[in-house]
Amino acid sequence: MNGFERLFQGSLPRLVMFDLDGTLVDSVPDLAAAVDTMLVELGRAPAGIDAVRDWVGNGVRVLVRRALAADIQHEHISEADTEQALALFSAAYGKSHALTQVYPGVHETLKWLHKKRVKMALITNKPERFVAPLLDQMGLGRYFKWIIGGDTLPQQKPDPAALLFVMKMAKVKARQALFIGDSRSDVLAAKAAGVTCVALSYGYNHGRPIAEESPELVIDDLRMLMPGCFDPATGITLAHATSPAQRDSIVVATRKLWMKVIKALARWRWRA
């Protein structure tokens, strides 16, 4: 019995939702390069890759504010400074993803799930405009039927809005879905949506072990969920999640927002 079946009582999930940065790809080298370019252009000292690795996980805007603060706490950074720095960062980061790499086991796992006809979605806090070029370069886009960026909906993880939205689109109940991520935001979003969560130990969680966030399972490689790779001795704690029905109201969108979402999804339908 593989890891997916151990989590879902002998069957496969009908929907697997993935985080991107720190889960499927190691994007910190490119993010750090863009942050340092931004800081230098502002007359500041570069931050370096180790600092940026601890700052990522809550979207580009928060990353930029943390870089300006040179700390994970950024409440004192003004909106004017944020907007100026964000423009510089976006220009630098949009130029290249040459340093980003797909983690070992990702291609194999996505291909296996695709062959099993398991629906897949990508839910990231990265802005939409950066997602398509990155997925194209990494050869990952074709696996996902639904892709939600950090600005597709009004809410970002740890809010469960994106997970609830995708489950509605896929016509899948929470007990039939799995979310795979690497950070506290991912685990909190999954728990709030009533979805089983698997966390990767190698990702970005602000320098803290992801096991502290109590996902149902922590693994070192996505292939550990596939046949022949799962260790039966690995402990799995299945959470008794409550129904997310009470949170459905947060997915109510205006006509303008729905049109934006539909257009975003339409751009990806051909990849599925």
C-alpha atoms as a PDB file:
ATOM      1  CA  MET A   1       0.000   0.000   0.000  1.00  0.00           C
ATOM      2  CA  ASN A   2       1.457   3.365  -1.005  1.00  0.00           C
ATOM      3  CA  GLY A   3       1.493   6.546   1.051  1.00  0.00           C
ATOM      4  CA  PHE A   4      -1.555   8.030  -0.656  1.00  0.00           C
ATOM      5  CA  GLU A   5      -3.572   4.904   0.121  1.00  0.00           C
ATOM      6  CA  ARG A   6      -2.391   4.885   3.739  1.00  0.00           C
ATOM      7  CA  LEU A   7      -3.735   8.408   4.098  1.00  0.00           C
ATOM      8  CA  PHE A   8      -7.029   7.640   2.353  1.00  0.00           C
ATOM      9  CA  GLN A   9      -7.873   4.211   3.753  1.00  0.00           C
ATOM     10  CA  GLY A  10      -6.875   2.081   0.786  1.00  0.00           C
ATOM     11  CA  SER A  11      -7.862   4.435  -2.032  1.00  0.00           C
ATOM     12  CA  LEU A  12      -6.341   7.449  -3.764  1.00  0.00           C
ATOM     13  CA  PRO A  13      -7.434  11.034  -3.188  1.00  0.00           C
ATOM     14  CA  ARG A  14      -9.632  12.429  -5.956  1.00  0.00           C
ATOM     15  CA  LEU A  15      -7.811  15.771  -5.836  1.00  0.00           C
ATOM     16  CA  VAL A  16      -4.249  16.643  -4.854  1.00  0.00           C
ATOM     17  CA  MET A  17      -3.423  20.334  -4.409  1.00  0.00           C
ATOM     18  CA  PHE A  18       0.199  21.467  -4.294  1.00  0.00           C
ATOM     19  CA  ASP A  19       2.063  24.506  -3.090  1.00  0.00           C
ATOM     20  CA  LEU A  20       4.832  25.650  -5.455  1.00  0.00           C
ATOM     21  CA  ASP A  21       7.856  27.332  -3.854  1.00  0.00           C
ATOM     22  CA  GLY A  22       9.597  25.067  -1.381  1.00  0.00           C
ATOM     23  CA  THR A  23       7.348  22.150  -2.345  1.00  0.00           C
ATOM     24  CA  LEU A  24       7.813  21.524  -6.062  1.00  0.00           C
ATOM     25  CA  VAL A  25      10.675  23.908  -6.830  1.00  0.00           C
ATOM     26  CA  ASP A  26      13.565  25.514  -4.984  1.00  0.00           C
ATOM     27  CA  SER A  27      13.114  29.103  -6.110  1.00  0.00           C
ATOM     28  CA  VAL A  28      15.062  30.817  -3.330  1.00  0.00           C
ATOM     29  CA  PRO A  29      18.234  31.365  -5.405  1.00  0.00           C
ATOM     30  CA  ASP A  30      16.282  33.436  -7.960  1.00  0.00           C
ATOM     31  CA  LEU A  31      14.224  35.175  -5.284  1.00  0.00           C
ATOM     32  CA  ALA A  32      17.389  36.060  -3.380  1.00  0.00           C
ATOM     33  CA  ALA A  33      19.051  37.400  -6.515  1.00  0.00           C
ATOM     34  CA  ALA A  34      16.032  39.627  -7.184  1.00  0.00           C
ATOM     35  CA  VAL A  35      15.900  40.793  -3.565  1.00  0.00           C
ATOM     36  CA  ASP A  36      19.591  41.677  -3.595  1.00  0.00           C
ATOM     37  CA  THR A  37      19.236  43.538  -6.902  1.00  0.00           C
ATOM     38  CA  MET A  38      16.344  45.491  -5.389  1.00  0.00           C
ATOM     39  CA  LEU A  39      18.272  46.324  -2.218  1.00  0.00           C
ATOM     40  CA  VAL A  40      21.383  47.430  -4.087  1.00  0.00           C
ATOM     41  CA  GLU A  41      19.300  49.680  -6.338  1.00  0.00           C
ATOM     42  CA  LEU A  42      17.872  51.244  -3.185  1.00  0.00           C
ATOM     43  CA  GLY A  43      21.369  51.866  -1.844  1.00  0.00           C
ATOM     44  CA  ARG A  44      21.171  49.103   0.753  1.00  0.00           C
ATOM     45  CA  ALA A  45      23.339  46.089   1.512  1.00  0.00           C
ATOM     46  CA  PRO A  46      22.316  42.790  -0.133  1.00  0.00           C
ATOM     47  CA  ALA A  47      20.546  40.294   2.136  1.00  0.00           C
ATOM     48  CA  GLY A  48      21.984  37.020   0.870  1.00  0.00           C
ATOM     49  CA  ILE A  49      20.353  33.680   0.182  1.00  0.00           C
ATOM     50  CA  ASP A  50      20.237  32.417   3.778  1.00  0.00           C
ATOM     51  CA  ALA A  51      18.209  35.380   4.990  1.00  0.00           C
ATOM     52  CA  VAL A  52      15.828  35.232   2.032  1.00  0.00           C
ATOM     53  CA  ARG A  53      15.231  31.521   2.628  1.00  0.00           C
ATOM     54  CA  ASP A  54      13.823  32.390   6.061  1.00  0.00           C
ATOM     55  CA  TRP A  55      11.688  35.251   4.708  1.00  0.00           C
ATOM     56  CA  VAL A  56       9.786  33.530   1.897  1.00  0.00           C
ATOM     57  CA  GLY A  57       6.422  31.796   2.185  1.00  0.00           C
ATOM     58  CA  ASN A  58       3.901  34.604   2.556  1.00  0.00           C
ATOM     59  CA  GLY A  59       3.914  36.136  -0.901  1.00  0.00           C
ATOM     60  CA  VAL A  60       6.095  38.618  -2.746  1.00  0.00           C
ATOM     61  CA  ARG A  61       4.817  41.706  -0.963  1.00  0.00           C
ATOM     62  CA  VAL A  62       5.692  40.339   2.465  1.00  0.00           C
ATOM     63  CA  LEU A  63       9.072  39.141   1.189  1.00  0.00           C
ATOM     64  CA  VAL A  64       9.891  42.640  -0.042  1.00  0.00           C
ATOM     65  CA  ARG A  65       8.820  44.199   3.256  1.00  0.00           C
ATOM     66  CA  ARG A  66      10.941  41.724   5.202  1.00  0.00           C
ATOM     67  CA  ALA A  67      13.909  42.515   2.976  1.00  0.00           C
ATOM     68  CA  LEU A  68      13.454  46.229   3.650  1.00  0.00           C
ATOM     69  CA  ALA A  69      13.258  45.525   7.376  1.00  0.00           C
ATOM     70  CA  ALA A  70      16.138  43.031   7.223  1.00  0.00           C
ATOM     71  CA  ASP A  71      13.982  40.946   9.538  1.00  0.00           C
ATOM     72  CA  ILE A  72      10.927  38.696   9.476  1.00  0.00           C
ATOM     73  CA  GLN A  73       9.012  41.418  11.366  1.00  0.00           C
ATOM     74  CA  HIS A  74       8.130  44.240   8.994  1.00  0.00           C
ATOM     75  CA  GLU A  75       5.276  46.214  10.559  1.00  0.00           C
ATOM     76  CA  HIS A  76       7.230  49.486  10.544  1.00  0.00           C
ATOM     77  CA  ILE A  77       7.837  49.487   6.764  1.00  0.00           C
ATOM     78  CA  SER A  78       5.745  52.134   5.007  1.00  0.00           C
ATOM     79  CA  GLU A  79       3.467  51.456   2.050  1.00  0.00           C
ATOM     80  CA  ALA A  80       5.350  54.007  -0.058  1.00  0.00           C
ATOM     81  CA  ASP A  81       8.662  52.230   0.520  1.00  0.00           C
ATOM     82  CA  THR A  82       6.980  48.884  -0.126  1.00  0.00           C
ATOM     83  CA  GLU A  83       5.554  49.972  -3.480  1.00  0.00           C
ATOM     84  CA  GLN A  84       8.881  51.399  -4.656  1.00  0.00           C
ATOM     85  CA  ALA A  85      10.783  48.257  -3.653  1.00  0.00           C
ATOM     86  CA  LEU A  86       8.116  45.930  -5.045  1.00  0.00           C
ATOM     87  CA  ALA A  87       8.427  47.492  -8.491  1.00  0.00           C
ATOM     88  CA  LEU A  88      12.202  47.002  -8.452  1.00  0.00           C
ATOM     89  CA  PHE A  89      11.897  43.424  -7.214  1.00  0.00           C
ATOM     90  CA  SER A  90       9.267  42.495  -9.806  1.00  0.00           C
ATOM     91  CA  ALA A  91      11.371  43.869 -12.633  1.00  0.00           C
ATOM     92  CA  ALA A  92      14.408  41.871 -11.474  1.00  0.00           C
ATOM     93  CA  TYR A  93      12.566  38.622 -10.718  1.00  0.00           C
ATOM     94  CA  GLY A  94      10.609  38.675 -13.967  1.00  0.00           C
ATOM     95  CA  LYS A  95      13.776  38.559 -16.058  1.00  0.00           C
ATOM     96  CA  SER A  96      14.946  35.043 -15.266  1.00  0.00           C
ATOM     97  CA  HIS A  97      14.312  31.820 -13.358  1.00  0.00           C
ATOM     98  CA  ALA A  98      17.633  30.307 -14.369  1.00  0.00           C
ATOM     99  CA  LEU A  99      18.624  29.411 -10.795  1.00  0.00           C
ATOM    100  CA  THR A 100      15.358  27.693  -9.853  1.00  0.00           C
ATOM    101  CA  GLN A 101      15.349  23.890  -9.785  1.00  0.00           C
ATOM    102  CA  VAL A 102      12.681  21.217  -9.493  1.00  0.00           C
ATOM    103  CA  TYR A 103      13.097  19.098  -6.370  1.00  0.00           C
ATOM    104  CA  PRO A 104      13.966  15.401  -6.815  1.00  0.00           C
ATOM    105  CA  GLY A 105      10.919  13.174  -7.155  1.00  0.00           C
ATOM    106  CA  VAL A 106       8.523  15.886  -8.291  1.00  0.00           C
ATOM    107  CA  HIS A 107       8.296  14.939 -11.971  1.00  0.00           C
ATOM    108  CA  GLU A 108       7.940  11.243 -11.143  1.00  0.00           C
ATOM    109  CA  THR A 109       5.167  11.843  -8.606  1.00  0.00           C
ATOM    110  CA  LEU A 110       3.159  14.215 -10.792  1.00  0.00           C
ATOM    111  CA  LYS A 111       3.463  11.833 -13.734  1.00  0.00           C
ATOM    112  CA  TRP A 112       2.271   8.907 -11.584  1.00  0.00           C
ATOM    113  CA  LEU A 113      -0.746  10.838 -10.305  1.00  0.00           C
ATOM    114  CA  HIS A 114      -1.570  11.949 -13.842  1.00  0.00           C
ATOM    115  CA  LYS A 115      -1.537   8.336 -15.047  1.00  0.00           C
ATOM    116  CA  LYS A 116      -3.858   7.431 -12.179  1.00  0.00           C
ATOM    117  CA  ARG A 117      -6.201  10.206 -13.341  1.00  0.00           C
ATOM    118  CA  VAL A 118      -6.019  12.034 -10.052  1.00  0.00           C
ATOM    119  CA  LYS A 119      -6.998  15.676 -10.475  1.00  0.00           C
ATOM    120  CA  MET A 120      -4.261  18.125  -9.576  1.00  0.00           C
ATOM    121  CA  ALA A 121      -4.160  21.820  -8.736  1.00  0.00           C
ATOM    122  CA  LEU A 122      -1.464  24.336  -7.872  1.00  0.00           C
ATOM    123  CA  ILE A 123      -2.127  26.888  -5.129  1.00  0.00           C
ATOM    124  CA  THR A 124       0.650  29.399  -4.555  1.00  0.00           C
ATOM    125  CA  ASN A 125       1.041  32.818  -2.992  1.00  0.00           C
ATOM    126  CA  LYS A 126       3.302  33.778  -5.910  1.00  0.00           C
ATOM    127  CA  PRO A 127       1.647  36.401  -8.172  1.00  0.00           C
ATOM    128  CA  GLU A 128       0.054  34.984 -11.336  1.00  0.00           C
ATOM    129  CA  ARG A 129       2.373  36.804 -13.719  1.00  0.00           C
ATOM    130  CA  PHE A 130       5.388  34.890 -12.377  1.00  0.00           C
ATOM    131  CA  VAL A 131       3.771  31.449 -12.304  1.00  0.00           C
ATOM    132  CA  ALA A 132       3.349  30.727 -16.030  1.00  0.00           C
ATOM    133  CA  PRO A 133       6.967  31.423 -17.073  1.00  0.00           C
ATOM    134  CA  LEU A 134       8.278  29.401 -14.149  1.00  0.00           C
ATOM    135  CA  LEU A 135       6.061  26.383 -14.820  1.00  0.00           C
ATOM    136  CA  ASP A 136       6.867  26.507 -18.533  1.00  0.00           C
ATOM    137  CA  GLN A 137      10.581  26.460 -17.811  1.00  0.00           C
ATOM    138  CA  MET A 138      10.272  23.666 -15.249  1.00  0.00           C
ATOM    139  CA  GLY A 139       7.982  21.524 -17.432  1.00  0.00           C
ATOM    140  CA  LEU A 140       5.298  21.274 -14.748  1.00  0.00           C
ATOM    141  CA  GLY A 141       2.336  23.253 -16.045  1.00  0.00           C
ATOM    142  CA  ARG A 142       0.721  20.463 -18.037  1.00  0.00           C
ATOM    143  CA  TYR A 143      -0.088  18.461 -14.916  1.00  0.00           C
ATOM    144  CA  PHE A 144      -2.398  21.024 -13.313  1.00  0.00           C
ATOM    145  CA  LYS A 145      -6.009  21.592 -14.269  1.00  0.00           C
ATOM    146  CA  TRP A 146      -6.396  24.496 -11.856  1.00  0.00           C
ATOM    147  CA  ILE A 147      -3.773  27.070 -10.928  1.00  0.00           C
ATOM    148  CA  ILE A 148      -4.426  29.750  -8.322  1.00  0.00           C
ATOM    149  CA  GLY A 149      -1.849  32.497  -7.855  1.00  0.00           C
ATOM    150  CA  GLY A 150      -1.428  34.824  -4.930  1.00  0.00           C
ATOM    151  CA  ASP A 151      -3.523  37.505  -6.611  1.00  0.00           C
ATOM    152  CA  THR A 152      -6.158  35.290  -8.276  1.00  0.00           C
ATOM    153  CA  LEU A 153      -8.465  35.588  -5.261  1.00  0.00           C
ATOM    154  CA  PRO A 154      -8.631  38.350  -2.647  1.00  0.00           C
ATOM    155  CA  GLN A 155      -7.247  35.966   0.003  1.00  0.00           C
ATOM    156  CA  GLN A 156      -3.917  34.187   0.226  1.00  0.00           C
ATOM    157  CA  LYS A 157      -2.834  31.187   2.277  1.00  0.00           C
ATOM    158  CA  PRO A 158      -3.104  30.625   5.231  1.00  0.00           C
ATOM    159  CA  ASP A 159      -6.688  31.570   4.372  1.00  0.00           C
ATOM    160  CA  PRO A 160      -8.345  28.446   2.906  1.00  0.00           C
ATOM    161  CA  ALA A 161     -10.250  30.349   0.188  1.00  0.00           C
ATOM    162  CA  ALA A 162      -8.163  28.967  -2.692  1.00  0.00           C
ATOM    163  CA  LEU A 163      -8.463  25.383  -1.473  1.00  0.00           C
ATOM    164  CA  LEU A 164     -12.229  25.721  -1.045  1.00  0.00           C
ATOM    165  CA  PHE A 165     -12.532  27.311  -4.486  1.00  0.00           C
ATOM    166  CA  VAL A 166     -10.598  24.532  -6.225  1.00  0.00           C
ATOM    167  CA  MET A 167     -12.606  21.849  -4.437  1.00  0.00           C
ATOM    168  CA  LYS A 168     -15.801  23.494  -5.658  1.00  0.00           C
ATOM    169  CA  MET A 169     -14.458  23.594  -9.217  1.00  0.00           C
ATOM    170  CA  ALA A 170     -13.369  19.942  -9.011  1.00  0.00           C
ATOM    171  CA  LYS A 171     -16.618  18.880  -7.291  1.00  0.00           C
ATOM    172  CA  VAL A 172     -14.590  17.138  -4.617  1.00  0.00           C
ATOM    173  CA  LYS A 173     -15.332  16.988  -0.892  1.00  0.00           C
ATOM    174  CA  ALA A 174     -12.683  17.865   1.663  1.00  0.00           C
ATOM    175  CA  ARG A 175     -12.326  14.253   2.801  1.00  0.00           C
ATOM    176  CA  GLN A 176     -11.420  13.299  -0.806  1.00  0.00           C
ATOM    177  CA  ALA A 177      -8.709  15.947  -1.175  1.00  0.00           C
ATOM    178  CA  LEU A 178      -5.069  16.278  -0.156  1.00  0.00           C
ATOM    179  CA  PHE A 179      -2.907  19.388   0.143  1.00  0.00           C
ATOM    180  CA  ILE A 180       0.878  19.122  -0.080  1.00  0.00           C
ATOM    181  CA  GLY A 181       3.023  22.036   1.073  1.00  0.00           C
ATOM    182  CA  ASP A 182       6.061  23.006   3.070  1.00  0.00           C
ATOM    183  CA  SER A 183       5.151  25.866   5.389  1.00  0.00           C
ATOM    184  CA  ARG A 184       2.980  26.899   8.313  1.00  0.00           C
ATOM    185  CA  SER A 185       0.725  28.809   5.908  1.00  0.00           C
ATOM    186  CA  ASP A 186       0.128  25.624   3.914  1.00  0.00           C
ATOM    187  CA  VAL A 187      -0.713  23.537   6.973  1.00  0.00           C
ATOM    188  CA  LEU A 188      -3.026  26.188   8.404  1.00  0.00           C
ATOM    189  CA  ALA A 189      -4.854  26.569   5.083  1.00  0.00           C
ATOM    190  CA  ALA A 190      -5.354  22.824   4.785  1.00  0.00           C
ATOM    191  CA  LYS A 191      -6.616  22.502   8.351  1.00  0.00           C
ATOM    192  CA  ALA A 192      -9.026  25.418   7.902  1.00  0.00           C
ATOM    193  CA  ALA A 193     -10.384  23.781   4.742  1.00  0.00           C
ATOM    194  CA  GLY A 194     -10.757  20.412   6.467  1.00  0.00           C
ATOM    195  CA  VAL A 195      -8.237  18.823   4.098  1.00  0.00           C
ATOM    196  CA  THR A 196      -5.543  16.240   4.910  1.00  0.00           C
ATOM    197  CA  CYS A 197      -2.086  17.819   4.706  1.00  0.00           C
ATOM    198  CA  VAL A 198       1.299  16.321   3.842  1.00  0.00           C
ATOM    199  CA  ALA A 199       4.333  18.543   4.425  1.00  0.00           C
ATOM    200  CA  LEU A 200       7.815  18.406   2.897  1.00  0.00           C
ATOM    201  CA  SER A 201      10.701  18.663   5.341  1.00  0.00           C
ATOM    202  CA  TYR A 202      13.029  20.396   2.868  1.00  0.00           C
ATOM    203  CA  GLY A 203      10.958  23.525   2.198  1.00  0.00           C
ATOM    204  CA  TYR A 204      10.703  27.031   3.600  1.00  0.00           C
ATOM    205  CA  ASN A 205       9.140  27.434   7.027  1.00  0.00           C
ATOM    206  CA  HIS A 206      10.980  30.470   8.362  1.00  0.00           C
ATOM    207  CA  GLY A 207      13.773  28.302   9.727  1.00  0.00           C
ATOM    208  CA  ARG A 208      11.520  26.098  11.863  1.00  0.00           C
ATOM    209  CA  PRO A 209      10.839  22.340  11.446  1.00  0.00           C
ATOM    210  CA  ILE A 210       7.540  21.841   9.633  1.00  0.00           C
ATOM    211  CA  ALA A 211       6.656  18.994  12.013  1.00  0.00           C
ATOM    212  CA  GLU A 212       5.939  21.679  14.632  1.00  0.00           C
ATOM    213  CA  GLU A 213       2.857  22.661  12.619  1.00  0.00           C
ATOM    214  CA  SER A 214       1.388  19.126  13.025  1.00  0.00           C
ATOM    215  CA  PRO A 215       0.496  18.126   9.464  1.00  0.00           C
ATOM    216  CA  GLU A 216      -0.840  14.584   9.067  1.00  0.00           C
ATOM    217  CA  LEU A 217       2.463  13.433   7.566  1.00  0.00           C
ATOM    218  CA  VAL A 218       5.967  14.854   7.060  1.00  0.00           C
ATOM    219  CA  ILE A 219       8.113  13.392   4.264  1.00  0.00           C
ATOM    220  CA  ASP A 220      11.538  14.109   2.809  1.00  0.00           C
ATOM    221  CA  ASP A 221      10.692  13.309  -0.818  1.00  0.00           C
ATOM    222  CA  LEU A 222       7.402  13.254  -2.751  1.00  0.00           C
ATOM    223  CA  ARG A 223       8.245   9.768  -4.006  1.00  0.00           C
ATOM    224  CA  MET A 224       7.681   8.497  -0.463  1.00  0.00           C
ATOM    225  CA  LEU A 225       3.957   8.637  -1.294  1.00  0.00           C
ATOM    226  CA  MET A 226       4.326   6.349  -4.310  1.00  0.00           C
ATOM    227  CA  PRO A 227       4.179   2.516  -4.472  1.00  0.00           C
ATOM    228  CA  GLY A 228       7.313   0.835  -3.194  1.00  0.00           C
ATOM    229  CA  CYS A 229       8.671   3.987  -1.582  1.00  0.00           C
ATOM    230  CA  PHE A 230       6.532   4.434   1.520  1.00  0.00           C
ATOM    231  CA  ASP A 231       7.903   3.155   4.833  1.00  0.00           C
ATOM    232  CA  PRO A 232       5.079   1.357   6.682  1.00  0.00           C
ATOM    233  CA  ALA A 233       6.754   2.317   9.961  1.00  0.00           C
ATOM    234  CA  THR A 234       6.165   5.987   9.236  1.00  0.00           C
ATOM    235  CA  GLY A 235       3.575   7.360  11.608  1.00  0.00           C
ATOM    236  CA  ILE A 236       0.491   8.950  10.097  1.00  0.00           C
ATOM    237  CA  THR A 237      -1.826  11.023  12.236  1.00  0.00           C
ATOM    238  CA  LEU A 238      -5.195  11.556  10.609  1.00  0.00           C
ATOM    239  CA  ALA A 239      -6.846  14.728  11.811  1.00  0.00           C
ATOM    240  CA  HIS A 240     -10.556  14.766  12.554  1.00  0.00           C
ATOM    241  CA  ALA A 241     -11.181  17.913  10.542  1.00  0.00           C
ATOM    242  CA  THR A 242     -14.422  19.802  10.755  1.00  0.00           C
ATOM    243  CA  SER A 243     -16.467  20.549   7.682  1.00  0.00           C
ATOM    244  CA  PRO A 244     -15.386  23.708   5.858  1.00  0.00           C
ATOM    245  CA  ALA A 245     -18.989  24.554   5.014  1.00  0.00           C
ATOM    246  CA  GLN A 246     -18.992  27.524   7.352  1.00  0.00           C
ATOM    247  CA  ARG A 247     -16.058  29.023   5.448  1.00  0.00           C
ATOM    248  CA  ASP A 248     -17.775  28.820   2.053  1.00  0.00           C
ATOM    249  CA  SER A 249     -18.879  32.420   2.314  1.00  0.00           C
ATOM    250  CA  ILE A 250     -15.341  33.686   1.828  1.00  0.00           C
ATOM    251  CA  VAL A 251     -15.323  32.318  -1.717  1.00  0.00           C
ATOM    252  CA  VAL A 252     -18.274  34.462  -2.755  1.00  0.00           C
ATOM    253  CA  ALA A 253     -16.865  36.770  -5.415  1.00  0.00           C
ATOM    254  CA  THR A 254     -18.065  39.723  -7.401  1.00  0.00           C
ATOM    255  CA  ARG A 255     -18.755  39.310 -11.109  1.00  0.00           C
ATOM    256  CA  LYS A 256     -15.494  41.098 -11.885  1.00  0.00           C
ATOM    257  CA  LEU A 257     -13.516  38.696  -9.666  1.00  0.00           C
ATOM    258  CA  TRP A 258     -15.202  35.645 -11.175  1.00  0.00           C
ATOM    259  CA  MET A 259     -14.300  36.845 -14.664  1.00  0.00           C
ATOM    260  CA  LYS A 260     -10.683  37.262 -13.573  1.00  0.00           C
ATOM    261  CA  VAL A 261     -10.601  33.770 -12.088  1.00  0.00           C
ATOM    262  CA  ILE A 262     -12.265  32.187 -15.122  1.00  0.00           C
ATOM    263  CA  LYS A 263      -9.770  33.869 -17.455  1.00  0.00           C
ATOM    264  CA  ALA A 264      -6.869  32.703 -15.295  1.00  0.00           C
ATOM    265  CA  LEU A 265      -8.122  29.139 -15.289  1.00  0.00           C
ATOM    266  CA  ALA A 266      -8.823  29.217 -19.015  1.00  0.00           C
ATOM    267  CA  ARG A 267      -5.188  30.033 -19.714  1.00  0.00           C
ATOM    268  CA  TRP A 268      -4.244  26.738 -18.087  1.00  0.00           C
ATOM    269  CA  ARG A 269      -6.982  24.383 -19.251  1.00  0.00           C
ATOM    270  CA  TRP A 270      -4.989  23.379 -22.341  1.00  0.00           C
ATOM    271  CA  ARG A 271      -2.160  22.184 -20.090  1.00  0.00           C
ATOM    272  CA  ALA A 272      -4.259  19.652 -18.205  1.00  0.00           C
END
